Protein backbone atom coordinates (compact mmCIF):
# COMPACT_ATOMS: atom_id res chain seq x y z
CA MET A 1 -5.98 -6.30 -13.63
CA PRO A 2 -5.27 -9.37 -11.46
CA ASP A 3 -1.57 -10.20 -11.23
CA LYS A 4 -0.65 -13.75 -12.22
CA ASN A 5 2.44 -13.40 -10.00
CA ILE A 6 0.30 -12.82 -6.90
CA MET A 7 1.98 -15.66 -5.01
CA ALA A 8 5.48 -14.25 -5.47
CA VAL A 9 7.27 -13.72 -2.15
CA PRO A 10 9.56 -10.66 -1.69
CA PHE A 11 12.54 -12.81 -0.79
CA ASP A 12 15.13 -10.04 -1.28
CA LEU A 13 13.30 -7.71 1.10
CA LEU A 14 12.77 -10.38 3.74
CA ILE A 15 16.38 -11.57 3.64
CA MET A 16 17.94 -8.11 3.54
CA GLY A 17 15.58 -6.83 6.22
CA ALA A 18 16.60 -9.66 8.54
CA ALA A 19 20.27 -9.08 7.67
CA VAL A 20 20.00 -5.45 8.77
CA GLU A 21 17.92 -6.25 11.85
CA THR A 22 20.31 -8.92 13.13
CA GLY A 23 23.47 -6.89 12.50
CA ILE A 24 24.81 -8.88 9.54
CA ILE A 25 25.00 -5.85 7.25
CA ASN A 26 26.74 -3.59 9.78
CA ALA A 27 29.25 -6.31 10.64
CA LEU A 28 30.14 -7.00 7.00
CA GLU A 29 30.39 -3.29 6.28
CA LYS A 30 33.43 -3.25 8.58
CA ARG A 31 35.29 -6.26 7.13
CA PRO A 32 34.83 -9.63 5.38
CA MET A 33 34.01 -12.54 7.68
CA THR A 34 33.45 -16.25 7.60
CA ALA A 35 30.08 -17.58 8.71
CA ALA A 36 31.66 -18.73 11.98
CA GLU A 37 33.22 -15.32 12.66
CA LEU A 38 30.00 -13.51 11.84
CA ALA A 39 27.89 -15.83 13.98
CA ALA A 40 30.20 -15.13 16.92
CA GLU A 41 30.15 -11.37 16.19
CA ILE A 42 26.35 -11.08 16.24
CA THR A 43 25.69 -13.94 18.71
CA ALA A 44 23.71 -16.09 16.28
CA ASP A 45 23.46 -19.67 15.07
CA GLN A 46 26.29 -20.55 12.65
CA ARG A 47 24.20 -22.80 10.38
CA ALA A 48 21.50 -20.14 10.09
CA VAL A 49 24.06 -17.41 9.38
CA TRP A 50 25.74 -19.53 6.69
CA THR A 51 22.41 -20.27 5.01
CA VAL A 52 21.47 -16.60 4.87
CA LEU A 53 24.95 -15.55 3.66
CA GLU A 54 24.76 -18.07 0.83
CA ALA A 55 21.39 -16.70 -0.22
CA MET A 56 22.67 -13.12 -0.11
CA ALA A 57 25.63 -14.13 -2.27
CA ALA A 58 23.33 -15.86 -4.77
CA LEU A 59 21.21 -12.69 -4.96
CA GLY A 60 24.26 -10.49 -5.58
CA TYR A 61 24.44 -8.68 -2.24
CA LEU A 62 27.62 -10.47 -1.14
CA THR A 63 30.77 -11.79 -2.73
CA ARG A 64 32.46 -14.97 -1.53
CA GLN A 65 36.23 -15.56 -1.42
CA ASP A 66 37.37 -18.86 0.03
CA HIS A 67 35.14 -19.08 3.12
CA SER A 68 34.78 -15.32 3.73
CA TYR A 69 31.87 -13.12 2.73
CA ALA A 70 31.94 -9.40 1.90
CA LEU A 71 29.42 -6.85 0.70
CA SER A 72 29.39 -6.66 -3.08
CA GLY A 73 30.25 -3.31 -4.65
CA ASP A 74 26.64 -2.81 -5.73
CA ALA A 75 25.30 -3.60 -2.26
CA ARG A 76 27.83 -1.30 -0.57
CA ASN A 77 26.88 1.52 -2.95
CA MET A 78 23.16 0.85 -2.46
CA ILE A 79 23.33 1.04 1.34
CA PHE A 80 26.39 3.08 2.29
CA THR A 81 27.37 5.37 -0.61
CA PRO A 82 25.22 8.52 -0.95
CA GLY A 83 25.48 9.82 -4.48
CA ALA A 84 25.87 6.38 -6.04
CA PRO A 85 23.37 5.78 -8.87
CA ASN A 86 21.73 2.91 -6.97
CA TYR A 87 21.89 4.47 -3.49
CA THR A 88 18.83 3.88 -1.29
CA GLY A 89 20.36 3.81 2.17
CA LEU A 90 18.15 1.84 4.53
CA SER A 91 14.91 3.13 3.02
CA PHE A 92 13.88 -0.44 2.18
CA MET A 93 13.71 -1.18 5.91
CA HIS A 94 10.53 0.90 6.17
CA ARG A 95 8.82 -1.52 3.77
CA TYR A 96 10.22 -4.42 5.80
CA GLU A 97 8.67 -2.93 8.95
CA LEU A 98 5.33 -2.44 7.16
CA LEU A 99 5.20 -6.15 6.36
CA LYS A 100 5.12 -6.85 10.09
CA SER A 101 1.85 -4.92 10.34
CA TRP A 102 0.33 -6.01 7.03
CA ILE A 103 0.57 -9.67 8.01
CA HIS A 104 -2.14 -8.90 10.58
CA LEU A 105 -4.62 -7.68 7.94
CA PRO A 106 -7.08 -10.57 8.59
CA GLU A 107 -7.35 -9.45 12.23
CA VAL A 108 -7.80 -5.83 11.14
CA ILE A 109 -10.59 -6.83 8.75
CA ALA A 110 -12.33 -8.72 11.55
CA THR A 111 -12.00 -6.02 14.22
CA GLY A 112 -11.65 -2.75 12.31
CA LYS A 113 -8.79 -1.88 14.63
CA PRO A 114 -5.27 -1.14 13.35
CA HIS A 115 -2.16 -3.15 14.16
CA PRO A 116 0.45 -0.39 14.32
CA ARG A 117 3.92 -1.19 15.55
CA LYS A 118 5.43 0.93 18.30
CA ARG A 119 7.69 3.56 16.79
CA THR A 120 11.27 3.50 18.06
CA PRO A 121 14.27 5.68 17.18
CA VAL A 122 15.35 2.92 14.78
CA THR A 123 11.99 2.61 12.98
CA THR A 124 11.73 6.41 12.89
CA ALA A 125 15.11 6.50 11.12
CA TYR A 126 13.88 3.88 8.62
CA PHE A 127 10.73 5.94 7.99
CA MET A 128 12.79 9.08 7.45
CA ALA A 129 15.08 7.26 5.03
CA ALA A 130 12.08 6.03 3.05
CA MET A 131 10.59 9.51 2.87
CA GLN A 132 13.92 10.96 1.75
CA GLU A 133 14.26 8.32 -0.95
CA GLY A 134 10.72 9.01 -2.18
CA ALA A 135 11.41 12.75 -2.35
CA ARG A 136 14.76 12.47 -4.08
CA ARG A 137 13.41 12.95 -7.62
CA SER A 138 10.38 15.11 -6.90
CA ALA A 139 11.53 17.74 -4.38
CA ARG A 140 13.19 20.15 -6.79
CA PRO A 141 10.45 20.00 -9.47
CA MET A 142 7.81 20.43 -6.76
CA GLY A 143 9.62 23.45 -5.35
CA GLU A 144 9.92 25.03 -8.79
CA PHE A 145 6.23 24.41 -9.48
CA LEU A 146 5.04 25.92 -6.21
CA LEU A 147 7.47 28.84 -5.99
CA SER A 148 7.57 29.89 -9.63
CA GLY A 149 7.27 33.68 -9.75
CA SER A 150 7.43 34.03 -5.95
CA PRO A 151 9.69 36.70 -4.45
CA ARG A 152 12.79 35.81 -2.47
CA ASN A 153 12.18 35.06 1.23
CA THR A 154 8.66 33.79 0.56
CA ARG A 155 7.62 32.28 3.91
CA VAL A 156 6.89 28.57 3.62
CA LEU A 157 5.45 26.34 6.35
CA ASP A 158 6.31 22.69 5.69
CA ILE A 159 3.98 20.63 7.91
CA GLY A 160 5.40 17.22 8.74
CA GLY A 161 8.48 17.88 6.61
CA GLY A 162 11.07 16.43 9.00
CA PRO A 163 13.09 14.52 6.36
CA LEU A 164 13.93 18.02 5.00
CA PHE A 165 14.11 17.13 1.30
CA TYR A 166 11.31 19.49 0.31
CA ALA A 167 12.42 22.10 2.84
CA ARG A 168 15.90 22.05 1.30
CA ALA A 169 14.43 22.43 -2.18
CA PHE A 170 12.32 25.40 -1.08
CA THR A 171 15.31 26.98 0.65
CA ALA A 172 17.51 26.52 -2.42
CA LEU A 173 14.89 28.44 -4.39
CA GLY A 174 15.11 31.40 -2.01
CA ALA A 175 12.26 30.69 0.40
CA ALA A 176 12.39 31.13 4.18
CA VAL A 177 11.23 27.75 5.48
CA THR A 178 9.76 26.64 8.79
CA VAL A 179 9.30 22.90 9.33
CA LEU A 180 6.85 21.50 11.90
CA ASP A 181 7.33 17.90 12.98
CA LEU A 182 7.22 15.69 16.06
CA ALA A 183 9.76 16.18 18.82
CA GLU A 184 11.67 12.95 18.09
CA VAL A 185 12.06 13.98 14.46
CA VAL A 186 13.26 17.46 15.39
CA SER A 187 15.76 15.89 17.78
CA MET A 188 17.06 13.73 14.95
CA MET A 189 17.14 16.37 12.18
CA GLY A 190 17.45 19.68 14.04
CA LYS A 191 21.20 20.15 13.50
CA GLU A 192 20.90 19.44 9.77
CA ALA A 193 18.01 21.89 9.53
CA ALA A 194 19.96 24.64 11.30
CA ALA A 195 22.99 24.08 9.07
CA ALA A 196 20.75 24.48 6.01
CA GLY A 197 19.15 27.67 7.36
CA ILE A 198 15.80 25.99 8.00
CA GLU A 199 13.78 26.75 11.12
CA MET A 200 12.49 23.58 12.79
CA ILE A 201 9.71 23.55 15.39
CA ALA A 202 8.59 20.56 17.47
CA GLY A 203 4.86 20.04 17.58
CA ASP A 204 1.83 18.00 16.51
CA PHE A 205 -0.19 19.36 13.58
CA ASN A 206 -3.31 17.88 15.17
CA VAL A 207 -2.84 20.27 18.09
CA ALA A 208 -1.51 23.55 16.69
CA LEU A 209 0.52 25.12 13.91
CA PRO A 210 3.31 27.73 14.19
CA GLU A 211 2.14 31.33 14.10
CA GLY A 212 2.21 32.91 10.67
CA PRO A 213 1.58 34.60 8.55
CA PHE A 214 3.00 32.33 5.83
CA ASP A 215 2.78 32.71 2.07
CA LEU A 216 2.66 28.97 1.36
CA ALA A 217 1.75 25.96 3.49
CA TYR A 218 3.03 22.62 2.22
CA LEU A 219 1.29 19.45 3.43
CA GLY A 220 3.34 16.58 2.01
CA ASN A 221 1.76 13.14 2.48
CA ILE A 222 0.24 13.80 5.90
CA ASN A 223 -3.49 13.97 5.18
CA HIS A 224 -3.70 10.18 4.85
CA MET A 225 -2.58 9.79 8.47
CA VAL A 226 -5.83 11.16 9.95
CA GLY A 227 -9.59 10.98 9.43
CA GLU A 228 -12.10 13.30 7.81
CA GLU A 229 -12.76 15.50 10.86
CA GLU A 230 -9.05 15.91 11.54
CA ASN A 231 -8.41 16.80 7.90
CA GLN A 232 -11.07 19.50 7.97
CA GLU A 233 -9.59 20.90 11.19
CA LEU A 234 -6.02 20.76 9.84
CA ILE A 235 -7.00 22.66 6.71
CA ARG A 236 -8.94 25.18 8.81
CA LYS A 237 -5.87 25.75 11.03
CA THR A 238 -3.69 26.04 7.94
CA ALA A 239 -5.94 28.79 6.58
CA GLY A 240 -5.50 30.58 9.90
CA VAL A 241 -1.71 30.87 9.54
CA LEU A 242 -1.71 31.95 5.87
CA LYS A 243 -1.78 35.49 4.57
CA PRO A 244 -4.79 36.54 2.49
CA GLY A 245 -3.87 35.34 -0.98
CA GLY A 246 -1.56 32.71 0.54
CA ARG A 247 -1.63 29.21 -0.88
CA ILE A 248 -1.92 25.69 0.42
CA ALA A 249 -0.33 22.74 -1.38
CA ILE A 250 -1.42 19.20 -0.50
CA VAL A 251 0.56 16.27 -1.91
CA GLU A 252 -1.41 13.04 -1.58
CA PHE A 253 -2.65 9.88 -3.27
CA VAL A 254 -6.06 11.14 -4.37
CA ARG A 255 -8.64 8.38 -4.36
CA GLY A 256 -10.24 8.10 -7.78
CA ALA A 257 -7.37 9.96 -9.46
CA SER A 258 -4.39 7.81 -8.39
CA PRO A 259 -4.51 4.09 -9.21
CA PHE A 260 -2.47 3.41 -6.05
CA ALA A 261 -4.67 5.41 -3.67
CA ALA A 262 -7.09 2.58 -2.86
CA VAL A 263 -4.25 0.15 -2.12
CA PHE A 264 -2.49 2.74 0.04
CA GLY A 265 -5.76 3.12 1.91
CA VAL A 266 -5.27 -0.45 3.17
CA ASN A 267 -1.89 0.58 4.56
CA MET A 268 -3.64 3.30 6.54
CA LEU A 269 -6.32 0.82 7.66
CA VAL A 270 -3.63 -1.45 9.08
CA ASN A 271 -1.50 1.26 10.66
CA THR A 272 -3.84 4.03 11.84
CA GLY A 273 -7.07 4.41 13.76
CA ASN A 274 -8.94 6.45 11.16
CA GLY A 275 -6.48 7.43 8.42
CA GLY A 276 -7.17 6.77 4.77
CA THR A 277 -7.02 8.15 1.27
CA TRP A 278 -9.51 10.76 0.19
CA THR A 279 -11.27 11.89 -2.99
CA MET A 280 -10.86 15.21 -4.76
CA GLU A 281 -14.47 15.95 -3.82
CA GLN A 282 -13.60 15.57 -0.14
CA PHE A 283 -10.51 17.76 -0.41
CA THR A 284 -12.51 20.39 -2.31
CA GLY A 285 -15.16 20.45 0.40
CA TRP A 286 -12.62 20.81 3.20
CA LEU A 287 -10.83 23.60 1.34
CA GLU A 288 -13.98 25.54 0.43
CA ASN A 289 -15.27 25.25 4.02
CA SER A 290 -12.00 26.80 5.21
CA GLY A 291 -12.14 29.79 2.88
CA PHE A 292 -10.02 28.59 -0.04
CA GLY A 293 -10.73 29.08 -3.73
CA ASP A 294 -9.00 28.48 -7.07
CA ILE A 295 -8.71 24.77 -6.22
CA ARG A 296 -6.89 22.59 -8.72
CA LEU A 297 -5.20 19.21 -9.03
CA ASP A 298 -1.90 18.87 -10.90
CA THR A 299 0.72 16.18 -11.36
CA VAL A 300 4.33 17.18 -10.69
CA ALA A 301 7.17 14.64 -10.99
CA GLU A 302 4.61 11.84 -10.74
CA ARG A 303 3.18 13.33 -7.53
CA GLN A 304 -0.39 14.58 -7.26
CA VAL A 305 -0.61 18.05 -5.74
CA ILE A 306 -3.76 19.96 -4.84
CA THR A 307 -3.33 23.73 -4.63
CA ALA A 308 -5.73 26.40 -3.45
CA THR A 309 -5.65 30.10 -2.54
CA LYS A 310 -6.93 31.69 0.67
CA LYS A 311 -9.61 34.20 -0.20
């Protein structure tokens, strides 16, 4: 239903996003500073820095002692303390970056062309942090659901699984995991993958997949990135690297089954050339055309997952 709070502005996100982007957070992580000291540290306007620091203190992200500002305990735990109950790292920065594209929605509506922002090592790190945060509660239950009854060393191909949360969960359950992701992601996460016993391969799933045969192919939130033809081709290629009787698992916002799928479709409209969210009927057609049967839709840890078996 329509939200009466539609005009609410995400002040916390805008202020904290700017504080990270300008170096305020990293500077205060090292030591408390006055507004004058911080302005000199980050080469910024003192009045502007003071105004933002006061707002951050009012919102609970900073504490103030005399004229010095420091990260509050809750803020330090949220950003810098893995394992803390409120830890998110910098995952919120991915949403901050999305706002920069969403603000161009009127232009996108008029032209039909996306307004993606150029990906940099920094924005890639923000994206990875957001994906890791999203997977934190669902990775283990998803692994248990998909690998229940499977023998040890079941071969799993995790397509686009660079953040490694699901790959780690599969590995912890005894699977032998291969992750395919883009070269910049492999460069960032390759050492962690090797330390966890996970094979990582650089590549583009739109071009080719690693040679199988695999027992399970996991497609976690990647089908929304491409259009209908690319999805059919991706599922066809996935069938080609699975053993007979192997399974595919697709985690997505399914249009018509997820209340958020239609809204997320706008995110794909803004950020991709032909990505979107797709119906169960579309997924079923792509899977059947690629030789899959026993197609079903389940909900695991609040995630929708479509599974099917290669005939």
